[in-house]
N, C-alpha and C. Protein backbone atom coordinates (compact mmCIF):
# COMPACT_ATOMS: atom_id res chain seq x y z
N UNK A 1 3.89 31.44 50.69
CA UNK A 1 2.74 31.17 49.82
C UNK A 1 1.68 30.57 51.21
N UNK A 2 0.95 31.71 51.13
CA UNK A 2 0.10 32.04 52.31
C UNK A 2 -1.18 30.85 51.88
N UNK A 3 -1.47 30.16 53.20
CA UNK A 3 -2.21 28.89 52.89
C UNK A 3 -3.03 28.88 54.13
N UNK A 4 -4.21 30.02 54.28
CA UNK A 4 -5.11 30.65 54.83
C UNK A 4 -6.49 29.88 55.04
N UNK A 5 -6.17 29.98 53.83
CA UNK A 5 -7.66 28.97 53.45
C UNK A 5 -7.87 27.97 53.65
N UNK A 6 -8.53 26.97 54.04
CA UNK A 6 -9.25 25.70 54.43
C UNK A 6 -10.27 25.08 53.78
N UNK A 7 -10.10 23.56 54.10
CA UNK A 7 -11.43 22.74 53.32
C UNK A 7 -11.46 21.73 53.97
N UNK A 8 -12.24 21.24 55.02
CA UNK A 8 -12.64 19.90 55.57
C UNK A 8 -12.69 18.62 54.72
N UNK A 9 -12.08 17.59 55.12
CA UNK A 9 -12.79 16.03 54.40
C UNK A 9 -13.79 15.86 54.74
N UNK A 10 -14.69 15.05 53.52
CA UNK A 10 -15.68 14.71 53.86
C UNK A 10 -15.96 13.84 54.23
N UNK A 11 -15.56 12.82 54.53
CA UNK A 11 -15.79 11.31 54.54
C UNK A 11 -14.28 10.83 55.51
N UNK A 12 -14.50 9.38 55.70
CA UNK A 12 -13.49 8.39 55.79
C UNK A 12 -12.82 8.68 57.27
N UNK A 13 -11.59 8.17 57.62
CA UNK A 13 -11.29 8.18 58.94
C UNK A 13 -10.47 9.88 59.20
N UNK A 14 -10.38 10.24 58.19
CA UNK A 14 -9.90 11.76 58.25
C UNK A 14 -11.23 12.48 58.27
N UNK A 15 -12.45 12.24 58.22
CA UNK A 15 -13.68 12.93 58.20
C UNK A 15 -13.45 14.25 59.38
N UNK A 16 -13.79 15.28 58.59
CA UNK A 16 -13.66 16.49 59.77
C UNK A 16 -12.24 17.48 59.82
N UNK A 17 -11.40 16.55 59.08
CA UNK A 17 -9.49 17.55 59.39
C UNK A 17 -9.80 18.62 58.56
N UNK A 18 -8.98 19.08 58.81
CA UNK A 18 -8.88 20.77 58.15
C UNK A 18 -7.55 20.25 56.88
N UNK A 19 -7.48 20.86 55.92
CA UNK A 19 -6.55 20.85 54.88
C UNK A 19 -6.44 22.11 54.69
N UNK A 20 -5.37 22.29 54.69
CA UNK A 20 -4.75 23.87 54.22
C UNK A 20 -4.79 23.86 52.77
N UNK A 21 -5.42 24.69 51.92
CA UNK A 21 -5.74 25.11 50.65
C UNK A 21 -4.92 26.36 50.10
N UNK A 22 -3.92 26.65 49.06
CA UNK A 22 -3.41 27.61 48.65
C UNK A 22 -4.66 28.80 48.42
N UNK A 23 -3.76 30.54 49.39
CA UNK A 23 -5.04 31.15 49.44
C UNK A 23 -4.74 31.57 47.64
N UNK A 24 -4.14 31.97 47.18
CA UNK A 24 -3.92 32.07 45.83
C UNK A 24 -4.62 31.82 44.77
N UNK A 25 -5.43 32.76 43.79
CA UNK A 25 -6.83 32.47 42.89
C UNK A 25 -6.12 31.36 42.37
N UNK A 26 -4.81 31.32 41.58
CA UNK A 26 -4.00 30.37 40.77
C UNK A 26 -5.12 29.03 41.05
N UNK A 27 -4.86 28.32 42.20
CA UNK A 27 -5.99 27.28 42.49
C UNK A 27 -7.47 27.37 42.77
N UNK A 28 -7.67 26.43 42.80
CA UNK A 28 -8.77 25.93 42.83
C UNK A 28 -9.37 24.50 43.40
N UNK A 29 -8.89 24.62 44.88
CA UNK A 29 -9.47 23.01 45.24
C UNK A 29 -10.69 23.02 45.07
N UNK A 30 -10.96 21.62 44.83
CA UNK A 30 -12.31 21.07 44.57
C UNK A 30 -13.50 21.12 46.05
N UNK A 31 -14.35 21.50 45.58
CA UNK A 31 -15.24 22.23 46.58
C UNK A 31 -15.11 21.05 47.78
N UNK A 32 -16.02 21.03 48.81
CA UNK A 32 -16.25 19.93 49.50
C UNK A 32 -17.41 19.32 49.24
N UNK A 33 -18.45 19.72 48.34
CA UNK A 33 -19.60 19.23 48.37
C UNK A 33 -19.37 18.51 47.17
N UNK A 34 -18.69 18.65 45.99
CA UNK A 34 -18.73 17.74 45.00
C UNK A 34 -17.27 16.87 45.52
N UNK A 35 -16.49 16.71 46.09
CA UNK A 35 -15.72 15.74 46.88
C UNK A 35 -17.02 14.75 47.33
N UNK A 36 -17.73 15.34 48.22
CA UNK A 36 -18.20 14.22 48.60
C UNK A 36 -19.07 13.11 47.87
N UNK A 37 -19.65 14.20 46.83
CA UNK A 37 -20.57 13.64 45.70
C UNK A 37 -19.64 12.80 44.87
N UNK A 38 -18.90 13.08 44.73
CA UNK A 38 -17.95 11.80 43.70
C UNK A 38 -17.30 10.82 44.88
N UNK A 39 -17.39 10.99 46.06
CA UNK A 39 -16.77 9.92 46.48
C UNK A 39 -18.42 8.91 47.08
N UNK A 40 -19.48 9.77 47.25
CA UNK A 40 -20.57 8.86 47.23
C UNK A 40 -21.18 7.87 45.72
N UNK A 41 -20.33 8.59 44.46
CA UNK A 41 -20.73 7.50 43.71
C UNK A 41 -20.16 6.79 43.42
N UNK A 42 -18.26 7.05 44.28
CA UNK A 42 -17.72 5.70 43.60
C UNK A 42 -17.93 4.50 44.75
N UNK A 43 -18.30 4.95 46.32
CA UNK A 43 -18.60 4.03 46.84
C UNK A 43 -16.97 3.27 46.86
N UNK A 44 -17.43 2.05 47.43
CA UNK A 44 -16.39 1.25 47.74
C UNK A 44 -15.34 0.78 47.01
N UNK A 45 -15.72 1.58 45.84
CA UNK A 45 -14.19 0.77 44.59
C UNK A 45 -13.36 1.93 44.90
N UNK A 46 -13.28 2.76 45.68
CA UNK A 46 -12.24 3.49 46.19
C UNK A 46 -11.12 2.32 47.40
N UNK A 47 -11.72 1.70 47.96
CA UNK A 47 -11.27 1.06 48.95
C UNK A 47 -10.01 0.13 47.95
N UNK A 48 -8.25 0.13 48.85
CA UNK A 48 -7.47 -0.44 48.05
C UNK A 48 -6.85 -0.24 46.90
N UNK A 49 -7.24 1.07 46.39
CA UNK A 49 -6.81 0.79 44.80
C UNK A 49 -5.76 2.23 45.03
N UNK A 50 -4.98 1.73 43.88
CA UNK A 50 -4.39 3.04 43.85
C UNK A 50 -4.52 3.81 42.33
N UNK A 51 -4.25 5.18 42.89
CA UNK A 51 -5.16 6.58 42.24
C UNK A 51 -4.37 7.59 41.55
N UNK A 52 -4.26 7.84 40.69
CA UNK A 52 -3.39 9.05 40.76
C UNK A 52 -4.04 10.45 40.61
N UNK A 53 -3.62 11.41 41.01
CA UNK A 53 -4.76 12.69 41.25
C UNK A 53 -3.76 13.70 39.93
N UNK A 54 -4.53 14.25 38.80
CA UNK A 54 -3.41 14.77 37.92
C UNK A 54 -3.97 15.96 38.32
N UNK A 55 -2.86 17.46 38.07
CA UNK A 55 -3.24 18.59 38.45
C UNK A 55 -3.87 19.17 39.55
N UNK A 56 -3.38 18.27 40.74
CA UNK A 56 -3.15 17.92 41.77
C UNK A 56 -3.28 18.94 43.18
N UNK A 57 -3.24 20.02 42.15
CA UNK A 57 -2.95 21.12 43.63
C UNK A 57 -2.50 20.60 44.90
N UNK A 58 -3.15 21.40 45.77
CA UNK A 58 -3.45 20.97 46.97
C UNK A 58 -3.12 19.46 48.00
N UNK A 59 -4.13 18.55 46.59
CA UNK A 59 -4.23 17.39 46.98
C UNK A 59 -5.61 16.92 47.81
N UNK A 60 -6.33 17.41 47.48
CA UNK A 60 -7.64 17.59 48.42
C UNK A 60 -8.26 16.24 47.90
N UNK A 61 -8.66 16.11 46.79
CA UNK A 61 -9.53 14.78 45.90
C UNK A 61 -8.37 13.63 46.53
N UNK A 62 -7.45 13.54 46.31
CA UNK A 62 -6.05 12.55 46.72
C UNK A 62 -6.02 12.20 47.94
N UNK A 63 -6.32 13.13 49.11
CA UNK A 63 -6.39 13.18 50.77
C UNK A 63 -7.53 12.20 51.38
N UNK A 64 -9.01 12.94 50.14
CA UNK A 64 -10.36 12.31 50.54
C UNK A 64 -10.00 10.98 49.99
N UNK A 65 -9.74 10.55 49.21
CA UNK A 65 -9.68 9.26 48.34
C UNK A 65 -8.56 8.68 49.65
N UNK A 66 -7.67 8.78 50.12
CA UNK A 66 -7.00 8.09 51.16
C UNK A 66 -7.42 7.81 52.29
N UNK A 67 -8.72 8.73 52.82
CA UNK A 67 -9.39 8.74 53.89
C UNK A 67 -10.17 7.73 53.85
N UNK A 68 -10.49 7.47 52.75
CA UNK A 68 -11.42 6.31 52.62
C UNK A 68 -10.71 5.00 52.04
N UNK A 69 -10.11 5.22 52.80
CA UNK A 69 -9.38 3.76 51.97
C UNK A 69 -8.18 3.13 50.75
N UNK A 70 -8.10 4.30 50.09
CA UNK A 70 -7.18 3.97 49.00
C UNK A 70 -6.05 3.67 49.34
N UNK A 71 -5.35 2.68 48.69
CA UNK A 71 -4.07 2.14 49.27
C UNK A 71 -2.83 3.50 49.07
N UNK A 72 -2.88 4.32 47.70
CA UNK A 72 -2.09 4.83 47.51
C UNK A 72 -2.34 6.04 46.23
N UNK A 73 -1.54 7.07 46.50
CA UNK A 73 -2.48 7.89 45.67
C UNK A 73 -0.59 8.90 44.94
N UNK A 74 -1.22 8.66 43.78
CA UNK A 74 0.15 9.99 43.25
C UNK A 74 -0.26 11.06 42.99
N UNK A 75 0.41 12.05 43.12
CA UNK A 75 -0.43 13.56 43.20
C UNK A 75 0.64 14.44 42.08
N UNK A 76 0.45 14.40 41.19
CA UNK A 76 0.85 14.88 40.11
C UNK A 76 0.64 16.58 39.48
N UNK A 77 1.34 17.42 40.07
CA UNK A 77 1.22 19.00 39.34
C UNK A 77 2.47 19.81 38.83
N UNK A 78 2.33 20.65 38.66
CA UNK A 78 3.32 21.22 37.96
C UNK A 78 4.44 22.40 39.13
N UNK A 79 3.35 22.87 39.83
CA UNK A 79 3.51 23.97 40.75
C UNK A 79 4.37 23.42 41.78
N UNK A 80 5.35 23.96 42.23
CA UNK A 80 5.76 23.88 43.74
C UNK A 80 5.69 23.66 44.62
N UNK A 81 4.58 24.88 45.00
CA UNK A 81 4.27 25.67 45.73
C UNK A 81 2.77 24.72 46.50
N UNK A 82 2.72 24.23 45.40
CA UNK A 82 1.27 23.56 45.72
C UNK A 82 1.94 21.80 46.26
N UNK A 83 2.65 21.48 45.55
CA UNK A 83 3.24 19.99 46.09
C UNK A 83 3.96 20.28 47.48
N UNK A 84 4.83 21.27 47.82
CA UNK A 84 5.18 21.57 49.03
C UNK A 84 3.86 21.34 50.32
N UNK A 85 2.88 21.94 49.86
CA UNK A 85 1.82 21.77 50.37
C UNK A 85 0.74 20.51 50.73
N UNK A 86 1.17 19.75 49.66
CA UNK A 86 0.87 18.44 49.31
C UNK A 86 1.42 17.68 50.59
N UNK A 87 3.10 17.83 50.38
CA UNK A 87 3.92 17.08 51.27
C UNK A 87 3.88 17.21 52.79
N UNK A 88 3.33 18.67 52.93
CA UNK A 88 3.21 18.91 54.34
C UNK A 88 1.87 18.43 54.76
N UNK A 89 0.65 18.24 54.33
CA UNK A 89 -0.69 17.60 54.51
C UNK A 89 -0.67 16.19 54.88
N UNK A 90 0.47 15.44 53.67
CA UNK A 90 1.01 14.17 54.19
C UNK A 90 1.83 13.56 55.62
N UNK A 91 2.42 14.64 55.96
CA UNK A 91 3.24 14.20 56.89
C UNK A 91 2.37 14.74 57.70
N UNK A 92 1.39 15.40 58.26
CA UNK A 92 0.68 15.83 59.46
C UNK A 92 -0.76 15.12 59.39
N UNK A 93 -1.01 14.31 58.44
CA UNK A 93 -2.17 12.98 58.68
C UNK A 93 -1.61 11.85 58.96
N UNK A 94 -0.07 11.46 58.65
CA UNK A 94 0.90 10.22 58.61
C UNK A 94 0.26 9.37 57.39
N UNK A 95 0.17 9.68 56.23
CA UNK A 95 0.10 9.04 54.96
C UNK A 95 1.59 9.21 54.46
N UNK A 96 2.05 9.92 54.36
CA UNK A 96 3.56 9.87 53.53
C UNK A 96 4.29 8.79 53.02
N UNK A 97 3.84 7.24 53.39
CA UNK A 97 4.16 6.32 52.55
C UNK A 97 3.28 6.08 51.43
N UNK A 98 1.98 6.74 51.86
CA UNK A 98 0.59 6.04 50.52
C UNK A 98 0.93 7.28 49.85
N UNK A 99 1.78 7.98 49.96
CA UNK A 99 1.64 9.18 48.98
C UNK A 99 2.88 9.01 48.55
N UNK A 100 2.87 9.71 46.64
CA UNK A 100 3.93 10.19 45.91
C UNK A 100 3.57 10.79 45.38
N UNK A 101 4.86 11.87 45.66
CA UNK A 101 4.40 13.46 44.84
C UNK A 101 5.36 13.96 43.71
N UNK A 102 5.07 14.01 42.74
CA UNK A 102 5.70 13.99 41.17
C UNK A 102 5.46 15.35 40.97
N UNK A 103 6.56 16.08 40.66
CA UNK A 103 6.39 17.75 40.02
C UNK A 103 6.61 17.40 38.48
N UNK A 104 5.60 17.91 37.93
CA UNK A 104 5.35 17.46 36.71
C UNK A 104 4.40 17.85 35.70
N UNK A 105 5.03 18.34 34.56
CA UNK A 105 3.30 18.74 33.48
C UNK A 105 2.60 17.13 33.26
N UNK A 106 1.46 17.34 33.62
CA UNK A 106 0.74 16.49 33.25
C UNK A 106 0.72 15.76 32.40
N UNK A 107 0.31 16.24 31.13
CA UNK A 107 0.45 16.01 30.02
C UNK A 107 1.84 15.22 29.66
N UNK A 108 2.93 15.88 30.04
CA UNK A 108 4.47 15.04 29.22
C UNK A 108 4.20 13.65 30.46
N UNK A 109 4.08 13.92 31.64
CA UNK A 109 3.93 12.60 32.56
C UNK A 109 2.97 11.65 32.02
N UNK A 110 1.74 11.82 31.42
CA UNK A 110 0.89 11.00 31.00
C UNK A 110 2.01 10.18 30.05
N UNK A 111 2.18 10.80 28.84
CA UNK A 111 2.39 10.54 27.64
C UNK A 111 3.92 9.48 27.83
N UNK A 112 4.47 9.87 29.42
CA UNK A 112 6.14 9.18 29.64
C UNK A 112 5.54 7.36 29.91
N UNK A 113 4.14 7.85 30.31
CA UNK A 113 3.77 6.31 30.53
C UNK A 113 4.80 5.53 31.84
N UNK A 114 4.24 6.51 32.99
CA UNK A 114 4.98 6.32 34.27
C UNK A 114 4.52 4.70 34.78
N UNK A 115 5.25 3.77 36.10
CA UNK A 115 4.67 2.61 36.23
C UNK A 115 3.52 3.37 37.29
N UNK A 116 3.39 4.21 37.69
CA UNK A 116 2.55 4.51 38.47
C UNK A 116 0.95 4.91 38.00
N UNK A 117 0.89 4.86 36.28
CA UNK A 117 -0.39 5.14 35.90
C UNK A 117 -0.46 4.30 35.23
N UNK A 118 0.21 2.89 35.27
CA UNK A 118 -0.32 1.79 34.80
C UNK A 118 -0.51 0.81 35.77
N UNK A 119 -0.02 1.18 37.07
CA UNK A 119 -0.98 0.97 38.33
C UNK A 119 -1.94 1.03 38.40
N UNK A 120 -2.48 2.45 38.11
CA UNK A 120 -3.05 3.28 38.50
C UNK A 120 -5.08 2.56 38.47
N UNK A 121 -5.59 2.06 39.39
CA UNK A 121 -7.16 1.62 38.73
C UNK A 121 -8.31 3.28 38.84
N UNK A 122 -7.52 4.40 39.31
CA UNK A 122 -8.41 5.53 39.12
C UNK A 122 -7.76 6.50 38.72
N UNK A 123 -8.08 7.31 37.97
CA UNK A 123 -7.39 8.60 37.52
C UNK A 123 -8.32 9.71 37.75
N UNK A 124 -7.82 10.58 38.70
CA UNK A 124 -8.68 12.23 39.02
C UNK A 124 -7.98 12.86 37.99
N UNK A 125 -9.01 13.87 37.42
CA UNK A 125 -7.82 15.18 36.85
C UNK A 125 -8.92 16.24 36.98
N UNK A 126 -8.09 17.15 37.08
CA UNK A 126 -9.11 18.40 37.38
C UNK A 126 -8.25 19.87 37.04
N UNK A 127 -8.40 19.98 35.56
CA UNK A 127 -7.08 21.03 34.60
C UNK A 127 -7.80 22.55 35.25
N UNK A 128 -7.15 23.35 35.24
CA UNK A 128 -7.67 24.94 35.23
C UNK A 128 -8.92 24.58 34.25
N UNK A 129 -10.04 25.32 34.80
CA UNK A 129 -11.42 25.36 33.91
C UNK A 129 -10.91 26.01 32.57
N UNK A 130 -10.08 27.24 32.36
CA UNK A 130 -10.07 27.42 31.36
C UNK A 130 -8.40 27.07 30.45
N UNK A 131 -8.27 26.36 30.57
CA UNK A 131 -6.97 24.84 30.12
C UNK A 131 -7.96 24.33 28.83
N UNK A 132 -7.39 23.74 27.68
CA UNK A 132 -7.42 22.53 26.90
C UNK A 132 -6.86 21.95 27.32
N UNK A 133 -6.05 21.40 28.46
CA UNK A 133 -5.14 20.42 28.64
C UNK A 133 -5.85 19.01 28.72
N UNK A 134 -7.04 19.28 29.38
CA UNK A 134 -8.03 18.15 29.84
C UNK A 134 -8.31 17.33 28.65
N UNK A 135 -8.62 18.03 27.69
CA UNK A 135 -8.79 17.22 26.50
C UNK A 135 -8.19 16.36 25.81
N UNK A 136 -6.54 16.81 25.77
CA UNK A 136 -5.44 16.56 25.15
C UNK A 136 -4.74 15.70 26.28
N UNK A 137 -4.79 15.36 27.52
CA UNK A 137 -4.48 14.41 28.38
C UNK A 137 -5.55 12.93 28.38
N UNK A 138 -6.89 13.45 27.94
CA UNK A 138 -7.13 12.54 27.87
C UNK A 138 -7.66 11.80 26.38
N UNK A 139 -7.18 12.35 25.27
CA UNK A 139 -7.04 11.43 24.14
C UNK A 139 -5.67 10.68 24.63
N UNK A 140 -4.84 11.09 25.24
CA UNK A 140 -3.62 10.17 25.37
C UNK A 140 -3.99 9.42 26.43
N UNK A 141 -4.80 9.19 27.42
CA UNK A 141 -4.87 8.23 28.22
C UNK A 141 -6.15 7.56 27.39
N UNK A 142 -6.77 7.93 26.43
CA UNK A 142 -7.55 6.52 25.86
C UNK A 142 -7.06 5.37 24.81
N UNK A 143 -5.54 5.96 24.74
CA UNK A 143 -5.11 5.04 24.21
C UNK A 143 -4.24 3.51 24.85
N UNK A 144 -4.34 3.61 26.14
CA UNK A 144 -4.17 2.38 26.87
C UNK A 144 -4.47 3.19 28.50
N UNK A 145 -5.83 3.01 28.70
CA UNK A 145 -6.76 3.84 30.08
C UNK A 145 -6.40 3.07 31.10
N UNK A 146 -6.41 3.47 32.31
CA UNK A 146 -6.95 2.87 33.57
C UNK A 146 -8.28 2.73 33.19
N UNK A 147 -8.85 1.79 34.60
CA UNK A 147 -9.71 1.42 34.32
C UNK A 147 -10.93 2.39 34.78
N UNK A 148 -10.36 3.41 35.15
CA UNK A 148 -11.47 4.33 35.71
C UNK A 148 -10.91 6.06 35.54
N UNK A 149 -11.48 6.96 34.93
CA UNK A 149 -11.61 7.85 35.12
C UNK A 149 -12.09 9.11 35.39
N UNK A 150 -11.86 9.79 35.95
CA UNK A 150 -12.69 11.07 36.76
C UNK A 150 -12.52 12.23 35.94
N UNK A 151 -13.01 13.38 35.63
CA UNK A 151 -12.75 14.46 35.21
C UNK A 151 -13.37 15.56 36.01
N UNK A 152 -12.86 16.45 36.56
CA UNK A 152 -13.91 17.07 36.64
C UNK A 152 -13.54 18.74 35.98
N UNK A 153 -14.57 19.36 35.70
CA UNK A 153 -14.42 20.32 34.53
C UNK A 153 -15.31 21.35 34.49
N UNK A 154 -15.57 22.26 34.09
CA UNK A 154 -16.34 23.48 33.80
C UNK A 154 -17.41 23.20 33.02
N UNK A 155 -19.02 23.14 33.82
CA UNK A 155 -19.99 23.13 32.87
C UNK A 155 -20.02 23.33 31.60
N UNK A 156 -19.50 24.64 31.06
CA UNK A 156 -19.65 24.69 29.69
C UNK A 156 -18.74 24.39 28.61
N UNK A 157 -18.22 23.18 29.26
CA UNK A 157 -16.46 22.36 28.71
C UNK A 157 -17.86 21.02 28.48
N UNK A 158 -17.95 20.52 27.07
CA UNK A 158 -18.15 19.47 27.12
C UNK A 158 -17.47 18.26 26.85
N UNK A 159 -17.51 17.31 27.31
CA UNK A 159 -16.57 16.15 26.53
C UNK A 159 -17.57 14.81 26.03
N UNK A 160 -16.59 14.57 25.18
CA UNK A 160 -17.40 13.61 24.32
C UNK A 160 -17.57 12.35 24.82
N UNK A 161 -18.80 11.63 24.35
CA UNK A 161 -19.29 10.29 24.80
C UNK A 161 -17.85 8.96 25.21
N UNK A 162 -16.92 9.35 24.01
CA UNK A 162 -16.14 8.32 23.90
C UNK A 162 -15.06 9.03 23.20
N UNK A 163 -13.36 8.45 24.23
CA UNK A 163 -12.73 8.90 23.75
C UNK A 163 -11.75 7.73 24.09
N UNK A 164 -10.89 7.12 22.56
CA UNK A 164 -10.60 5.98 22.57
C UNK A 164 -10.89 4.63 23.03
N UNK A 165 -10.69 4.57 23.75
CA UNK A 165 -11.29 3.18 24.59
C UNK A 165 -11.76 3.61 25.98
N UNK A 166 -11.63 4.76 26.42
CA UNK A 166 -12.74 5.17 27.52
C UNK A 166 -13.89 5.58 26.87
N UNK A 167 -15.09 5.13 27.78
CA UNK A 167 -16.53 5.10 27.86
C UNK A 167 -17.03 6.29 28.64
N UNK A 168 -17.73 7.59 28.93
CA UNK A 168 -18.52 8.33 29.41
C UNK A 168 -19.42 7.38 30.12
N UNK A 169 -19.51 7.19 31.61
CA UNK A 169 -20.41 5.99 32.12
C UNK A 169 -21.40 7.03 33.04
N UNK A 170 -20.94 8.45 33.31
CA UNK A 170 -21.90 8.74 34.16
C UNK A 170 -21.39 10.14 34.12
N UNK A 171 -22.30 11.28 34.40
CA UNK A 171 -22.69 12.45 33.97
C UNK A 171 -23.27 13.50 35.51
N UNK A 172 -22.30 14.33 36.25
CA UNK A 172 -22.72 14.76 37.08
C UNK A 172 -22.85 16.74 37.31
N UNK A 173 -23.72 17.25 37.52
CA UNK A 173 -23.43 18.79 37.55
C UNK A 173 -23.67 19.28 39.21
N UNK A 174 -22.76 19.97 39.68
CA UNK A 174 -22.71 20.71 40.83
C UNK A 174 -22.23 22.40 40.66
N UNK A 175 -23.32 23.22 40.35
CA UNK A 175 -23.32 24.61 40.14
C UNK A 175 -22.87 24.54 38.76
N UNK A 176 -21.50 25.08 38.58
CA UNK A 176 -20.74 25.68 37.59
C UNK A 176 -19.45 24.52 37.25
N UNK A 177 -19.66 23.11 38.60
CA UNK A 177 -18.92 22.23 38.25
C UNK A 177 -19.84 21.14 37.38
N UNK A 178 -18.83 20.29 36.45
CA UNK A 178 -19.40 18.97 36.24
C UNK A 178 -18.58 17.70 36.31
N UNK A 179 -18.61 16.85 36.64
CA UNK A 179 -17.86 15.75 37.22
C UNK A 179 -18.25 14.62 35.69
N UNK A 180 -17.14 14.21 35.07
CA UNK A 180 -17.64 13.02 33.82
C UNK A 180 -16.53 11.78 34.37
N UNK A 181 -17.29 10.83 34.49
CA UNK A 181 -16.66 9.64 34.75
C UNK A 181 -16.73 8.50 33.20
N UNK A 182 -15.44 8.48 33.10
CA UNK A 182 -15.08 7.37 31.96
C UNK A 182 -14.74 6.39 32.23
N UNK A 183 -14.93 5.05 31.63
CA UNK A 183 -14.56 3.60 32.02
C UNK A 183 -14.08 3.40 31.23
N UNK A 184 -12.96 2.39 31.26
CA UNK A 184 -12.15 1.64 30.03
C UNK A 184 -13.50 0.65 29.18
N UNK A 185 -13.54 0.80 28.22
CA UNK A 185 -14.86 -0.61 27.39
C UNK A 185 -14.67 -1.44 28.03
N UNK A 186 -13.92 -2.33 27.89
CA UNK A 186 -14.03 -3.81 28.40
C UNK A 186 -13.75 -3.92 30.14
N UNK A 187 -14.44 -2.69 30.82
CA UNK A 187 -14.75 -3.56 32.12
C UNK A 187 -16.56 -3.41 32.25
N UNK A 188 -16.32 -4.17 33.33
CA UNK A 188 -18.22 -4.45 33.54
C UNK A 188 -18.85 -4.02 34.36
N UNK A 189 -20.16 -3.60 34.46
CA UNK A 189 -20.52 -3.42 35.90
C UNK A 189 -20.70 -1.43 35.80
N UNK A 190 -20.32 -0.65 34.77
CA UNK A 190 -20.49 0.68 35.25
C UNK A 190 -21.37 1.49 35.30
N UNK A 191 -21.65 2.30 35.73
CA UNK A 191 -22.61 3.14 36.25
C UNK A 191 -22.85 3.88 35.12
N UNK A 192 -24.28 3.43 34.24
CA UNK A 192 -24.35 4.16 32.94
C UNK A 192 -25.32 5.51 33.61
N UNK A 193 -24.97 6.56 32.77
CA UNK A 193 -26.14 8.00 33.02
C UNK A 193 -26.92 7.50 33.46
C-alpha cells in the first residue's frame, strides 16, 4: 500500500505531526480543516473520554482525539491495509496502549454491542460518501446510543433531526463536507444548532 500522502494533526500534544494516509482513492481521510473545526466544537469534552472511530480508515480523527487527551480510541474498519497504517501510526506516536484496532464491518460490529461501544462517550462516523451505511448504523446506535455521535458526510446527504433517542444538536458545513452532531436525549447542555 502506498502511503505517500500525509496530513498533519491540527492540535494537542502532537500538533503538527505528520500522519501517513493511504494514497488510494478508496480512502478519504478527514481534511485538516474539518478535524480542527470538529475539535474546536467539541472543546474539552474530548479530555479523558473513550471514543470509537467507525469507518476509521487511517485513523486521523482518532489520533486527533488522542492528541487532545482522549483516554482511549477504538478504531473500527473492514480494510486491513488501513488498519495496518493505524497500528503503525499508534506505534510511531507511542500511544498503542490507548488504541484498540478492530477489523470488522462497522454495522456488524455496532449490532454486536461490544463493550467498547458501551464504554464510549463519543462515536465518530465517516462512512464512504456514496454508502448508505451511516444511516443504518445510526438507526442501530439510536436504540441504545452513546452520549455523543458525530457524523461526517457529504452535504447532499441530509440526516434527520432525531434517530431513536439521538437528537441533532449542531450542524456545520465545510465545503462539500457536513458535520452533524447528535446527542442522547437524556443529556443536558448540548450545543443547539
